[in-house]
Amino acid sequence: MKIVILSRSPEAYSTKRLVEAGKVRGHEVLVVDHLKCVLVIEQGRPHIYYKDEEVKDVNAVIPRIGASVTFYGAAVVRQFEMMKIFSAVESQALVRSRDKLRCLQILAKSGIAIPKSAFVSTPKHVEHVINLVGGAPVVIKLLEGTQGIGVILAETKNSAKSVVEAFLDVEVDILVQEFIKEAGGQDVRAFVVDGQVVGAMRRTGAKGDFRSNLHRGGTAEVVKLSTVEKNLAIRAAKLMGLGVAGVDMLPTAKGLVVNEVNSSPGLEGIEKATGVDIAGKIIEYVERNEVISE
């Protein structure tokens, strides 16, 4: 097979591991910077150029699309789909999961437990919104932030009002979310591939940081999920339409609640914590779908 990995960072751990896993299984693997792709929309023949050459004979793509370039990255994935090439992450699922508000709406509608959240567009309702999610402290999130960037803990009502009003004043879309104190700076990430949990880790934030992201200095350890917890992660990924997903869940007194569903979850933390060849699992998923599509 000829597999294209859409990534702007060929030296990143996740990209390198996918290349390695693909080559070990005898595939030709190319890393393509999606921002350097030219999409040609032509009647009956959609095609793509990369570095002035047409991209041909591709069997599958594995998107590694950063949040800051979701729109263009999704357009590139969509173009491959129009060319009848399998994508490990579908374009629509990528867009759906990147919008934190849309993601939570879909999960909540389907009965998935989530942190109580609110969306507001005017400073006039800020105090009411804070009260609606349980009062201070509250978590304030950018709708399209990743790796803990754009996530703020406001510990008092006044500080929450100030932060929310500042974001709204510059027309930045945000979510106001209840702070789950019992999580204690920890969360659980379940890595789902093709409807199965292939690995799970407990992440603990750096000292003094309520965020558990490894990119923010957090640590990870392997964790064994119950059948109920596995099914929760699998269902969340399925609702997003994601064949590959990192499902982040927060511990509460009533069990885990889904906080986010990630379409381009990093491989380094989960592989090192669990010892599982996650990259290989993704390549196997691609292989199974290529057989089906032929």
C-alpha atoms as a PDB file:
ATOM      1  CA  MET A   1       0.000   0.000   0.000  1.00  0.00           C
ATOM      2  CA  LYS A   2       0.946   3.626  -0.464  1.00  0.00           C
ATOM      3  CA  ILE A   3      -0.012   5.584   2.660  1.00  0.00           C
ATOM      4  CA  VAL A   4       0.105   9.365   2.984  1.00  0.00           C
ATOM      5  CA  ILE A   5       0.448  10.886   6.439  1.00  0.00           C
ATOM      6  CA  LEU A   6      -0.840  14.450   6.448  1.00  0.00           C
ATOM      7  CA  SER A   7       1.476  16.215   8.868  1.00  0.00           C
ATOM      8  CA  ARG A   8       3.334  19.518   9.071  1.00  0.00           C
ATOM      9  CA  SER A   9       5.874  17.995  11.463  1.00  0.00           C
ATOM     10  CA  PRO A  10       7.778  15.042   9.974  1.00  0.00           C
ATOM     11  CA  GLU A  11      10.054  14.950  13.044  1.00  0.00           C
ATOM     12  CA  ALA A  12       7.196  14.796  15.541  1.00  0.00           C
ATOM     13  CA  TYR A  13       7.006  11.567  17.553  1.00  0.00           C
ATOM     14  CA  SER A  14       3.532  10.635  16.281  1.00  0.00           C
ATOM     15  CA  THR A  15       4.440  11.172  12.626  1.00  0.00           C
ATOM     16  CA  LYS A  16       7.715   9.263  12.904  1.00  0.00           C
ATOM     17  CA  ARG A  17       6.033   6.329  14.655  1.00  0.00           C
ATOM     18  CA  LEU A  18       3.340   6.059  11.993  1.00  0.00           C
ATOM     19  CA  VAL A  19       5.990   6.094   9.262  1.00  0.00           C
ATOM     20  CA  GLU A  20       7.967   3.428  11.111  1.00  0.00           C
ATOM     21  CA  ALA A  21       4.898   1.237  11.732  1.00  0.00           C
ATOM     22  CA  GLY A  22       3.842   1.473   8.101  1.00  0.00           C
ATOM     23  CA  LYS A  23       7.277   0.602   6.747  1.00  0.00           C
ATOM     24  CA  VAL A  24       7.661  -2.344   9.144  1.00  0.00           C
ATOM     25  CA  ARG A  25       4.523  -3.765   7.525  1.00  0.00           C
ATOM     26  CA  GLY A  26       5.952  -3.321   4.038  1.00  0.00           C
ATOM     27  CA  HIS A  27       4.063  -0.198   2.993  1.00  0.00           C
ATOM     28  CA  GLU A  28       5.312   2.890   1.186  1.00  0.00           C
ATOM     29  CA  VAL A  29       4.726   5.816   3.555  1.00  0.00           C
ATOM     30  CA  LEU A  30       4.959   9.478   2.571  1.00  0.00           C
ATOM     31  CA  VAL A  31       4.676  12.507   4.849  1.00  0.00           C
ATOM     32  CA  VAL A  32       2.810  15.350   3.149  1.00  0.00           C
ATOM     33  CA  ASP A  33       2.433  18.871   4.554  1.00  0.00           C
ATOM     34  CA  HIS A  34      -1.263  19.545   3.972  1.00  0.00           C
ATOM     35  CA  LEU A  35      -0.725  23.313   3.870  1.00  0.00           C
ATOM     36  CA  LYS A  36       1.477  22.840   0.809  1.00  0.00           C
ATOM     37  CA  CYS A  37      -1.160  20.860  -1.076  1.00  0.00           C
ATOM     38  CA  VAL A  38      -2.959  22.445  -4.013  1.00  0.00           C
ATOM     39  CA  LEU A  39      -6.488  21.147  -4.499  1.00  0.00           C
ATOM     40  CA  VAL A  40      -7.800  21.074  -8.053  1.00  0.00           C
ATOM     41  CA  ILE A  41     -11.568  20.843  -8.269  1.00  0.00           C
ATOM     42  CA  GLU A  42     -12.433  19.717 -11.770  1.00  0.00           C
ATOM     43  CA  GLN A  43     -15.531  18.053 -13.154  1.00  0.00           C
ATOM     44  CA  GLY A  44     -15.225  14.308 -12.737  1.00  0.00           C
ATOM     45  CA  ARG A  45     -11.563  14.441 -11.674  1.00  0.00           C
ATOM     46  CA  PRO A  46     -10.672  15.946  -8.315  1.00  0.00           C
ATOM     47  CA  HIS A  47      -6.923  15.812  -7.755  1.00  0.00           C
ATOM     48  CA  ILE A  48      -4.121  17.121  -5.556  1.00  0.00           C
ATOM     49  CA  TYR A  49      -0.698  18.584  -6.255  1.00  0.00           C
ATOM     50  CA  TYR A  50       2.148  18.561  -3.766  1.00  0.00           C
ATOM     51  CA  LYS A  51       5.451  20.280  -4.497  1.00  0.00           C
ATOM     52  CA  ASP A  52       4.239  20.840  -8.073  1.00  0.00           C
ATOM     53  CA  GLU A  53       3.648  17.134  -8.667  1.00  0.00           C
ATOM     54  CA  GLU A  54       0.293  15.388  -8.818  1.00  0.00           C
ATOM     55  CA  VAL A  55      -0.361  13.014  -5.934  1.00  0.00           C
ATOM     56  CA  LYS A  56      -1.174   9.608  -7.460  1.00  0.00           C
ATOM     57  CA  ASP A  57      -1.677   5.950  -6.585  1.00  0.00           C
ATOM     58  CA  VAL A  58      -2.434   6.604  -2.892  1.00  0.00           C
ATOM     59  CA  ASN A  59      -4.328   3.856  -1.055  1.00  0.00           C
ATOM     60  CA  ALA A  60      -4.997   5.622   2.259  1.00  0.00           C
ATOM     61  CA  VAL A  61      -4.327   8.788   4.256  1.00  0.00           C
ATOM     62  CA  ILE A  62      -3.757   9.281   7.983  1.00  0.00           C
ATOM     63  CA  PRO A  63      -4.513  12.890   8.954  1.00  0.00           C
ATOM     64  CA  ARG A  64      -2.491  14.595  11.675  1.00  0.00           C
ATOM     65  CA  ILE A  65      -4.157  17.997  11.404  1.00  0.00           C
ATOM     66  CA  GLY A  66      -3.325  20.753  13.903  1.00  0.00           C
ATOM     67  CA  ALA A  67      -6.142  22.807  15.413  1.00  0.00           C
ATOM     68  CA  SER A  68      -4.870  26.068  13.919  1.00  0.00           C
ATOM     69  CA  VAL A  69      -5.297  24.764  10.353  1.00  0.00           C
ATOM     70  CA  THR A  70      -8.451  22.680  10.747  1.00  0.00           C
ATOM     71  CA  PHE A  71     -10.293  24.338   7.856  1.00  0.00           C
ATOM     72  CA  TYR A  72      -7.587  23.792   5.235  1.00  0.00           C
ATOM     73  CA  GLY A  73      -6.586  20.412   6.627  1.00  0.00           C
ATOM     74  CA  ALA A  74     -10.176  19.167   6.488  1.00  0.00           C
ATOM     75  CA  ALA A  75     -10.452  20.429   2.909  1.00  0.00           C
ATOM     76  CA  VAL A  76      -7.392  18.359   1.940  1.00  0.00           C
ATOM     77  CA  VAL A  77      -8.819  15.256   3.624  1.00  0.00           C
ATOM     78  CA  ARG A  78     -12.140  15.870   1.855  1.00  0.00           C
ATOM     79  CA  GLN A  79     -10.346  16.041  -1.474  1.00  0.00           C
ATOM     80  CA  PHE A  80      -8.739  12.647  -0.857  1.00  0.00           C
ATOM     81  CA  GLU A  81     -12.178  11.298   0.036  1.00  0.00           C
ATOM     82  CA  MET A  82     -13.556  12.670  -3.241  1.00  0.00           C
ATOM     83  CA  MET A  83     -10.780  10.718  -4.951  1.00  0.00           C
ATOM     84  CA  LYS A  84     -12.196   7.577  -3.244  1.00  0.00           C
ATOM     85  CA  ILE A  85      -9.171   7.211  -0.961  1.00  0.00           C
ATOM     86  CA  PHE A  86      -9.750   5.925   2.569  1.00  0.00           C
ATOM     87  CA  SER A  87      -8.978   8.327   5.415  1.00  0.00           C
ATOM     88  CA  ALA A  88      -8.305   7.052   8.930  1.00  0.00           C
ATOM     89  CA  VAL A  89     -10.065  10.211  10.165  1.00  0.00           C
ATOM     90  CA  GLU A  90     -12.960  11.423   8.030  1.00  0.00           C
ATOM     91  CA  SER A  91     -13.065  15.114   7.161  1.00  0.00           C
ATOM     92  CA  GLN A  92     -16.490  15.726   8.658  1.00  0.00           C
ATOM     93  CA  ALA A  93     -15.573  13.910  11.865  1.00  0.00           C
ATOM     94  CA  LEU A  94     -12.434  16.043  12.119  1.00  0.00           C
ATOM     95  CA  VAL A  95     -14.445  19.263  11.860  1.00  0.00           C
ATOM     96  CA  ARG A  96     -17.149  18.004  14.210  1.00  0.00           C
ATOM     97  CA  SER A  97     -14.762  17.006  16.987  1.00  0.00           C
ATOM     98  CA  ARG A  98     -12.637  20.169  16.731  1.00  0.00           C
ATOM     99  CA  ASP A  99     -15.614  22.342  17.622  1.00  0.00           C
ATOM    100  CA  LYS A 100     -15.822  21.761  21.384  1.00  0.00           C
ATOM    101  CA  LEU A 101     -19.356  23.147  21.539  1.00  0.00           C
ATOM    102  CA  ARG A 102     -20.643  20.900  18.744  1.00  0.00           C
ATOM    103  CA  CYS A 103     -18.857  17.926  20.277  1.00  0.00           C
ATOM    104  CA  LEU A 104     -20.486  18.455  23.675  1.00  0.00           C
ATOM    105  CA  GLN A 105     -23.894  19.038  22.090  1.00  0.00           C
ATOM    106  CA  ILE A 106     -23.717  15.695  20.277  1.00  0.00           C
ATOM    107  CA  LEU A 107     -22.522  13.832  23.365  1.00  0.00           C
ATOM    108  CA  ALA A 108     -25.137  15.396  25.646  1.00  0.00           C
ATOM    109  CA  LYS A 109     -27.980  14.735  23.198  1.00  0.00           C
ATOM    110  CA  SER A 110     -27.026  11.057  23.145  1.00  0.00           C
ATOM    111  CA  GLY A 111     -26.990  10.725  26.921  1.00  0.00           C
ATOM    112  CA  ILE A 112     -23.213  10.795  27.456  1.00  0.00           C
ATOM    113  CA  ALA A 113     -22.195  12.267  30.822  1.00  0.00           C
ATOM    114  CA  ILE A 114     -20.234  15.525  30.357  1.00  0.00           C
ATOM    115  CA  PRO A 115     -19.213  18.463  32.574  1.00  0.00           C
ATOM    116  CA  LYS A 116     -22.040  21.005  32.730  1.00  0.00           C
ATOM    117  CA  SER A 117     -21.207  23.647  30.133  1.00  0.00           C
ATOM    118  CA  ALA A 118     -22.576  26.923  28.782  1.00  0.00           C
ATOM    119  CA  PHE A 119     -21.998  29.022  25.671  1.00  0.00           C
ATOM    120  CA  VAL A 120     -22.537  32.769  25.711  1.00  0.00           C
ATOM    121  CA  SER A 121     -22.064  35.587  23.194  1.00  0.00           C
ATOM    122  CA  THR A 122     -22.794  38.713  25.216  1.00  0.00           C
ATOM    123  CA  PRO A 123     -21.258  40.066  28.464  1.00  0.00           C
ATOM    124  CA  LYS A 124     -24.757  40.901  29.731  1.00  0.00           C
ATOM    125  CA  HIS A 125     -25.378  37.275  30.715  1.00  0.00           C
ATOM    126  CA  VAL A 126     -21.971  36.382  32.143  1.00  0.00           C
ATOM    127  CA  GLU A 127     -22.912  36.245  35.819  1.00  0.00           C
ATOM    128  CA  HIS A 128     -26.002  34.168  35.035  1.00  0.00           C
ATOM    129  CA  VAL A 129     -23.916  31.737  32.982  1.00  0.00           C
ATOM    130  CA  ILE A 130     -21.431  31.264  35.826  1.00  0.00           C
ATOM    131  CA  ASN A 131     -24.290  30.439  38.165  1.00  0.00           C
ATOM    132  CA  LEU A 132     -25.826  28.031  35.635  1.00  0.00           C
ATOM    133  CA  VAL A 133     -22.721  25.809  35.632  1.00  0.00           C
ATOM    134  CA  GLY A 134     -22.550  25.723  39.422  1.00  0.00           C
ATOM    135  CA  GLY A 135     -20.721  28.935  40.274  1.00  0.00           C
ATOM    136  CA  ALA A 136     -17.024  29.647  40.769  1.00  0.00           C
ATOM    137  CA  PRO A 137     -14.564  28.154  40.303  1.00  0.00           C
ATOM    138  CA  VAL A 138     -15.247  27.592  36.604  1.00  0.00           C
ATOM    139  CA  VAL A 139     -13.193  26.458  33.626  1.00  0.00           C
ATOM    140  CA  ILE A 140     -13.118  28.735  30.591  1.00  0.00           C
ATOM    141  CA  LYS A 141     -12.088  27.211  27.256  1.00  0.00           C
ATOM    142  CA  LEU A 142     -11.433  28.439  23.756  1.00  0.00           C
ATOM    143  CA  LEU A 143     -13.686  26.496  21.387  1.00  0.00           C
ATOM    144  CA  GLU A 144     -10.777  25.275  19.274  1.00  0.00           C
ATOM    145  CA  GLY A 145      -7.831  25.122  21.674  1.00  0.00           C
ATOM    146  CA  THR A 146      -5.671  22.010  22.066  1.00  0.00           C
ATOM    147  CA  GLN A 147      -2.992  20.619  24.407  1.00  0.00           C
ATOM    148  CA  GLY A 148      -4.347  22.696  27.295  1.00  0.00           C
ATOM    149  CA  ILE A 149      -3.776  25.985  25.475  1.00  0.00           C
ATOM    150  CA  GLY A 150      -6.661  28.381  25.987  1.00  0.00           C
ATOM    151  CA  VAL A 151      -7.958  26.608  29.104  1.00  0.00           C
ATOM    152  CA  ILE A 152      -8.258  28.814  32.169  1.00  0.00           C
ATOM    153  CA  LEU A 153      -9.386  28.127  35.729  1.00  0.00           C
ATOM    154  CA  ALA A 154     -11.174  31.134  37.210  1.00  0.00           C
ATOM    155  CA  GLU A 155     -11.363  30.588  40.958  1.00  0.00           C
ATOM    156  CA  THR A 156     -13.743  33.433  41.867  1.00  0.00           C
ATOM    157  CA  LYS A 157     -16.860  34.859  40.285  1.00  0.00           C
ATOM    158  CA  ASN A 158     -15.154  38.200  39.722  1.00  0.00           C
ATOM    159  CA  SER A 159     -12.147  36.670  37.991  1.00  0.00           C
ATOM    160  CA  ALA A 160     -14.454  34.496  35.871  1.00  0.00           C
ATOM    161  CA  LYS A 161     -16.454  37.562  34.816  1.00  0.00           C
ATOM    162  CA  SER A 162     -13.272  39.440  33.923  1.00  0.00           C
ATOM    163  CA  VAL A 163     -11.884  36.610  31.788  1.00  0.00           C
ATOM    164  CA  VAL A 164     -15.167  35.889  29.996  1.00  0.00           C
ATOM    165  CA  GLU A 165     -15.811  39.581  29.321  1.00  0.00           C
ATOM    166  CA  ALA A 166     -12.262  40.014  27.979  1.00  0.00           C
ATOM    167  CA  PHE A 167     -12.681  37.138  25.514  1.00  0.00           C
ATOM    168  CA  LEU A 168     -16.116  38.293  24.402  1.00  0.00           C
ATOM    169  CA  ASP A 169     -14.858  41.850  23.953  1.00  0.00           C
ATOM    170  CA  VAL A 170     -12.419  40.632  21.267  1.00  0.00           C
ATOM    171  CA  GLU A 171     -15.057  38.286  19.793  1.00  0.00           C
ATOM    172  CA  VAL A 172     -13.404  35.018  20.805  1.00  0.00           C
ATOM    173  CA  ASP A 173     -15.769  32.060  21.166  1.00  0.00           C
ATOM    174  CA  ILE A 174     -15.505  30.309  24.526  1.00  0.00           C
ATOM    175  CA  LEU A 175     -17.172  27.705  26.712  1.00  0.00           C
ATOM    176  CA  VAL A 176     -17.804  28.161  30.426  1.00  0.00           C
ATOM    177  CA  GLN A 177     -17.663  24.813  32.187  1.00  0.00           C
ATOM    178  CA  GLU A 178     -18.113  23.471  35.691  1.00  0.00           C
ATOM    179  CA  PHE A 179     -14.906  22.755  37.566  1.00  0.00           C
ATOM    180  CA  ILE A 180     -14.787  19.142  38.706  1.00  0.00           C
ATOM    181  CA  LYS A 181     -12.788  19.420  41.892  1.00  0.00           C
ATOM    182  CA  GLU A 182     -12.679  15.696  42.627  1.00  0.00           C
ATOM    183  CA  ALA A 183     -10.674  15.126  39.428  1.00  0.00           C
ATOM    184  CA  GLY A 184      -7.717  16.557  41.347  1.00  0.00           C
ATOM    185  CA  GLY A 185      -5.801  17.573  38.229  1.00  0.00           C
ATOM    186  CA  GLN A 186      -6.166  14.102  36.726  1.00  0.00           C
ATOM    187  CA  ASP A 187      -7.978  12.689  33.730  1.00  0.00           C
ATOM    188  CA  VAL A 188      -8.087   9.450  31.787  1.00  0.00           C
ATOM    189  CA  ARG A 189      -7.364   9.219  28.089  1.00  0.00           C
ATOM    190  CA  ALA A 190      -8.675   6.185  26.245  1.00  0.00           C
ATOM    191  CA  PHE A 191      -7.213   5.664  22.790  1.00  0.00           C
ATOM    192  CA  VAL A 192      -9.850   4.246  20.461  1.00  0.00           C
ATOM    193  CA  VAL A 193      -9.017   2.688  17.091  1.00  0.00           C
ATOM    194  CA  ASP A 194     -11.713   1.172  14.888  1.00  0.00           C
ATOM    195  CA  GLY A 195     -14.239   0.850  17.696  1.00  0.00           C
ATOM    196  CA  GLN A 196     -11.866  -0.691  20.252  1.00  0.00           C
ATOM    197  CA  VAL A 197      -9.949   0.783  23.185  1.00  0.00           C
ATOM    198  CA  VAL A 198      -6.333  -0.125  22.372  1.00  0.00           C
ATOM    199  CA  GLY A 199      -4.774   1.654  25.333  1.00  0.00           C
ATOM    200  CA  ALA A 200      -5.600   3.905  28.277  1.00  0.00           C
ATOM    201  CA  MET A 201      -3.597   6.130  30.588  1.00  0.00           C
ATOM    202  CA  ARG A 202      -4.181   8.287  33.627  1.00  0.00           C
ATOM    203  CA  ARG A 203      -2.685  11.755  33.221  1.00  0.00           C
ATOM    204  CA  THR A 204      -1.741  13.928  36.189  1.00  0.00           C
ATOM    205  CA  GLY A 205      -1.076  17.631  35.816  1.00  0.00           C
ATOM    206  CA  ALA A 206       2.141  19.326  36.839  1.00  0.00           C
ATOM    207  CA  LYS A 207       2.249  20.610  40.422  1.00  0.00           C
ATOM    208  CA  GLY A 208      -0.092  23.561  40.807  1.00  0.00           C
ATOM    209  CA  ASP A 209      -1.705  23.049  37.380  1.00  0.00           C
ATOM    210  CA  PHE A 210      -5.266  21.754  37.128  1.00  0.00           C
ATOM    211  CA  ARG A 211      -4.677  20.768  33.483  1.00  0.00           C
ATOM    212  CA  SER A 212      -3.473  17.209  32.955  1.00  0.00           C
ATOM    213  CA  ASN A 213      -2.031  17.667  29.447  1.00  0.00           C
ATOM    214  CA  LEU A 214       1.378  16.066  28.950  1.00  0.00           C
ATOM    215  CA  HIS A 215       2.418  19.049  26.802  1.00  0.00           C
ATOM    216  CA  ARG A 216       1.941  21.216  29.901  1.00  0.00           C
ATOM    217  CA  GLY A 217       4.314  19.109  31.992  1.00  0.00           C
ATOM    218  CA  GLY A 218       1.894  16.423  33.160  1.00  0.00           C
ATOM    219  CA  THR A 219       2.793  12.765  33.718  1.00  0.00           C
ATOM    220  CA  ALA A 220       1.112   9.558  32.572  1.00  0.00           C
ATOM    221  CA  GLU A 221       0.677   6.014  33.836  1.00  0.00           C
ATOM    222  CA  VAL A 222      -1.136   3.021  32.444  1.00  0.00           C
ATOM    223  CA  VAL A 223      -4.657   2.472  33.720  1.00  0.00           C
ATOM    224  CA  LYS A 224      -7.050  -0.451  33.329  1.00  0.00           C
ATOM    225  CA  LEU A 225     -10.576   0.566  32.395  1.00  0.00           C
ATOM    226  CA  SER A 226     -13.720  -1.290  33.347  1.00  0.00           C
ATOM    227  CA  THR A 227     -16.031  -2.570  30.624  1.00  0.00           C
ATOM    228  CA  VAL A 228     -18.416   0.315  31.338  1.00  0.00           C
ATOM    229  CA  GLU A 229     -15.596   2.868  30.989  1.00  0.00           C
ATOM    230  CA  LYS A 230     -14.356   1.289  27.765  1.00  0.00           C
ATOM    231  CA  ASN A 231     -17.854   1.334  26.319  1.00  0.00           C
ATOM    232  CA  LEU A 232     -18.203   5.006  27.265  1.00  0.00           C
ATOM    233  CA  ALA A 233     -15.045   5.901  25.323  1.00  0.00           C
ATOM    234  CA  ILE A 234     -16.016   3.739  22.341  1.00  0.00           C
ATOM    235  CA  ARG A 235     -19.477   5.274  22.194  1.00  0.00           C
ATOM    236  CA  ALA A 236     -18.101   8.824  22.376  1.00  0.00           C
ATOM    237  CA  ALA A 237     -15.693   8.144  19.492  1.00  0.00           C
ATOM    238  CA  LYS A 238     -18.494   6.559  17.461  1.00  0.00           C
ATOM    239  CA  LEU A 239     -20.804   9.532  18.019  1.00  0.00           C
ATOM    240  CA  MET A 240     -18.082  11.789  16.606  1.00  0.00           C
ATOM    241  CA  GLY A 241     -17.639   9.439  13.659  1.00  0.00           C
ATOM    242  CA  LEU A 242     -13.960   8.957  14.496  1.00  0.00           C
ATOM    243  CA  GLY A 243     -12.095   5.783  13.606  1.00  0.00           C
ATOM    244  CA  VAL A 244      -9.091   7.070  15.567  1.00  0.00           C
ATOM    245  CA  ALA A 245      -9.725   9.112  18.697  1.00  0.00           C
ATOM    246  CA  GLY A 246      -8.369  10.102  22.064  1.00  0.00           C
ATOM    247  CA  VAL A 247     -11.310  10.273  24.469  1.00  0.00           C
ATOM    248  CA  ASP A 248     -10.542  12.355  27.566  1.00  0.00           C
ATOM    249  CA  MET A 249     -12.593  11.560  30.660  1.00  0.00           C
ATOM    250  CA  LEU A 250     -12.673  13.147  34.099  1.00  0.00           C
ATOM    251  CA  PRO A 251     -13.186  11.158  37.320  1.00  0.00           C
ATOM    252  CA  THR A 252     -16.195  12.235  39.399  1.00  0.00           C
ATOM    253  CA  ALA A 253     -18.063  10.823  42.366  1.00  0.00           C
ATOM    254  CA  LYS A 254     -20.513   9.278  39.887  1.00  0.00           C
ATOM    255  CA  GLY A 255     -17.871   7.818  37.554  1.00  0.00           C
ATOM    256  CA  LEU A 256     -16.074   9.086  34.479  1.00  0.00           C
ATOM    257  CA  VAL A 257     -17.522  11.918  32.378  1.00  0.00           C
ATOM    258  CA  VAL A 258     -16.351  12.702  28.849  1.00  0.00           C
ATOM    259  CA  ASN A 259     -14.535  16.017  28.653  1.00  0.00           C
ATOM    260  CA  GLU A 260     -13.235  16.030  25.070  1.00  0.00           C
ATOM    261  CA  VAL A 261     -12.861  13.790  22.019  1.00  0.00           C
ATOM    262  CA  ASN A 262      -9.651  14.383  20.071  1.00  0.00           C
ATOM    263  CA  SER A 263      -9.250  13.603  16.367  1.00  0.00           C
ATOM    264  CA  SER A 264      -5.427  13.828  16.292  1.00  0.00           C
ATOM    265  CA  PRO A 265      -4.335  12.461  19.671  1.00  0.00           C
ATOM    266  CA  GLY A 266      -0.608  12.250  20.290  1.00  0.00           C
ATOM    267  CA  LEU A 267       1.013   8.822  20.370  1.00  0.00           C
ATOM    268  CA  GLU A 268       4.034   9.452  22.573  1.00  0.00           C
ATOM    269  CA  GLY A 269       2.336   9.571  25.962  1.00  0.00           C
ATOM    270  CA  ILE A 270       0.021   6.628  25.375  1.00  0.00           C
ATOM    271  CA  GLU A 271       2.709   4.387  23.848  1.00  0.00           C
ATOM    272  CA  LYS A 272       5.225   5.089  26.598  1.00  0.00           C
ATOM    273  CA  ALA A 273       2.666   4.667  29.374  1.00  0.00           C
ATOM    274  CA  THR A 274       1.118   1.447  28.053  1.00  0.00           C
ATOM    275  CA  GLY A 275       3.899  -0.139  26.011  1.00  0.00           C
ATOM    276  CA  VAL A 276       1.335  -0.788  23.254  1.00  0.00           C
ATOM    277  CA  ASP A 277       2.222  -0.263  19.589  1.00  0.00           C
ATOM    278  CA  ILE A 278      -0.588   2.236  18.976  1.00  0.00           C
ATOM    279  CA  ALA A 279       0.904   3.353  15.651  1.00  0.00           C
ATOM    280  CA  GLY A 280       0.780  -0.261  14.494  1.00  0.00           C
ATOM    281  CA  LYS A 281      -2.881  -0.506  15.522  1.00  0.00           C
ATOM    282  CA  ILE A 282      -3.658   2.523  13.329  1.00  0.00           C
ATOM    283  CA  ILE A 283      -1.813   0.992  10.353  1.00  0.00           C
ATOM    284  CA  GLU A 284      -3.728  -2.268  10.853  1.00  0.00           C
ATOM    285  CA  TYR A 285      -6.980  -0.282  10.827  1.00  0.00           C
ATOM    286  CA  VAL A 286      -5.965   1.286   7.513  1.00  0.00           C
ATOM    287  CA  GLU A 287      -5.063  -2.152   6.097  1.00  0.00           C
ATOM    288  CA  ARG A 288      -8.455  -3.588   7.001  1.00  0.00           C
ATOM    289  CA  ASN A 289     -10.293  -0.761   5.305  1.00  0.00           C
ATOM    290  CA  GLU A 290      -8.154  -0.865   2.186  1.00  0.00           C
ATOM    291  CA  VAL A 291      -9.071  -4.530   1.756  1.00  0.00           C
ATOM    292  CA  ILE A 292     -12.747  -3.607   2.111  1.00  0.00           C
ATOM    293  CA  SER A 293     -12.515  -0.773  -0.424  1.00  0.00           C
ATOM    294  CA  GLU A 294     -10.870  -2.809  -3.166  1.00  0.00           C
END
